Amino acid sequence: MVASAPRIDPRIRRVARRLGRRPFSIADIHRSVGEYAEIVGVFRPSYEQIRLVVNEARMRQAARRATAELLLQVELGTRPVTDLLRLLEE
């Protein structure tokens, strides 16, 4: 059995987030992050921990893209400013 850490080292979390922005499967990211953890000498994170970090990173990326698209559409006049105001209220 492989030892897993109860908390993720910040370096490991950064690597998982960075890899999560790319179109890799979570299993591939978990393997890569596990190898990196061994190199830096910390416990390997569990698959579940990596899944949560990657999904959070991907949701944030999607939200940033949607916001940028909305800003562009408001600037081009294809969407009303009230849509942007609604986003700011959330």
Protein backbone atom coordinates (compact mmCIF):
# COMPACT_ATOMS: atom_id res chain seq x y z
CA MET A 1 0.00 0.00 0.00
CA VAL A 2 1.24 3.48 -0.86
CA ALA A 3 1.32 6.08 1.90
CA SER A 4 -0.94 9.07 1.23
CA ALA A 5 -0.78 12.47 2.85
CA PRO A 6 -3.77 13.83 4.81
CA ARG A 7 -2.98 17.31 3.45
CA ILE A 8 -1.46 18.29 0.16
CA ASP A 9 1.88 20.08 0.16
CA PRO A 10 1.50 23.54 -1.49
CA ARG A 11 4.07 22.60 -4.16
CA ILE A 12 2.04 19.53 -5.07
CA ARG A 13 -1.17 21.56 -5.18
CA ARG A 14 0.47 24.07 -7.56
CA VAL A 15 1.63 21.34 -9.90
CA ALA A 16 -1.81 19.69 -9.90
CA ARG A 17 -3.51 23.02 -10.68
CA ARG A 18 -1.06 23.75 -13.49
CA LEU A 19 -1.56 20.31 -15.04
CA GLY A 20 -5.32 20.62 -14.53
CA ARG A 21 -5.44 23.52 -16.96
CA ARG A 22 -4.38 21.15 -19.73
CA PRO A 23 -6.54 18.45 -21.32
CA PHE A 24 -4.99 15.57 -19.35
CA SER A 25 -7.09 12.97 -17.57
CA ILE A 26 -7.17 13.17 -13.79
CA ALA A 27 -5.55 9.74 -13.62
CA ASP A 28 -2.60 10.99 -15.71
CA ILE A 29 -2.31 14.08 -13.53
CA HIS A 30 -2.41 11.92 -10.39
CA ARG A 31 0.43 9.75 -11.70
CA SER A 32 2.54 12.77 -12.65
CA VAL A 33 1.91 14.52 -9.34
CA GLY A 34 2.77 11.31 -7.47
CA GLU A 35 6.09 11.06 -9.26
CA TYR A 36 6.81 14.71 -8.49
CA ALA A 37 5.93 14.12 -4.81
CA GLU A 38 8.47 11.33 -4.62
CA ILE A 39 11.13 13.56 -6.20
CA VAL A 40 10.60 16.38 -3.69
CA GLY A 41 10.31 13.93 -0.81
CA VAL A 42 6.72 14.35 0.33
CA PHE A 43 3.85 11.88 0.57
CA ARG A 44 1.88 11.10 -2.56
CA PRO A 45 -1.58 12.73 -2.49
CA SER A 46 -4.59 10.48 -2.90
CA TYR A 47 -6.48 10.29 -6.17
CA GLU A 48 -9.48 11.94 -4.50
CA GLN A 49 -7.39 14.92 -3.34
CA ILE A 50 -5.99 15.45 -6.82
CA ARG A 51 -9.44 15.06 -8.37
CA LEU A 52 -10.79 17.84 -6.14
CA VAL A 53 -7.86 20.18 -6.86
CA VAL A 54 -8.02 19.59 -10.63
CA ASN A 55 -11.80 20.02 -10.81
CA GLU A 56 -11.56 23.26 -8.83
CA ALA A 57 -8.82 24.55 -11.17
CA ARG A 58 -10.88 23.66 -14.22
CA MET A 59 -14.01 25.34 -12.84
CA ARG A 60 -12.05 28.51 -12.09
CA GLN A 61 -10.57 28.50 -15.59
CA ALA A 62 -14.03 28.11 -17.13
CA ALA A 63 -15.35 30.98 -15.00
CA ARG A 64 -12.47 33.24 -16.06
CA ARG A 65 -13.10 32.45 -19.71
CA ALA A 66 -16.82 33.12 -19.37
CA THR A 67 -16.11 36.43 -17.65
CA ALA A 68 -13.62 37.47 -20.33
CA GLU A 69 -16.11 36.55 -23.04
CA LEU A 70 -18.84 38.57 -21.32
CA LEU A 71 -16.54 41.59 -21.02
CA LEU A 72 -15.71 41.37 -24.70
CA GLN A 73 -19.37 41.08 -25.69
CA VAL A 74 -20.30 44.08 -23.55
CA GLU A 75 -17.44 46.08 -25.08
CA LEU A 76 -18.54 45.12 -28.60
CA GLY A 77 -22.13 46.02 -27.78
CA THR A 78 -23.57 42.56 -28.39
CA ARG A 79 -24.66 42.21 -24.75
CA PRO A 80 -26.09 44.85 -22.42
CA VAL A 81 -24.07 46.28 -19.53
CA THR A 82 -26.73 44.98 -17.15
CA ASP A 83 -25.43 41.44 -17.80
CA LEU A 84 -22.06 42.54 -16.49
CA LEU A 85 -23.66 44.21 -13.48
CA ARG A 86 -25.54 40.98 -12.74
CA LEU A 87 -22.24 39.12 -12.75
CA LEU A 88 -20.72 41.61 -10.32
CA GLU A 89 -23.64 41.14 -7.92
CA GLU A 90 -23.00 37.39 -7.63
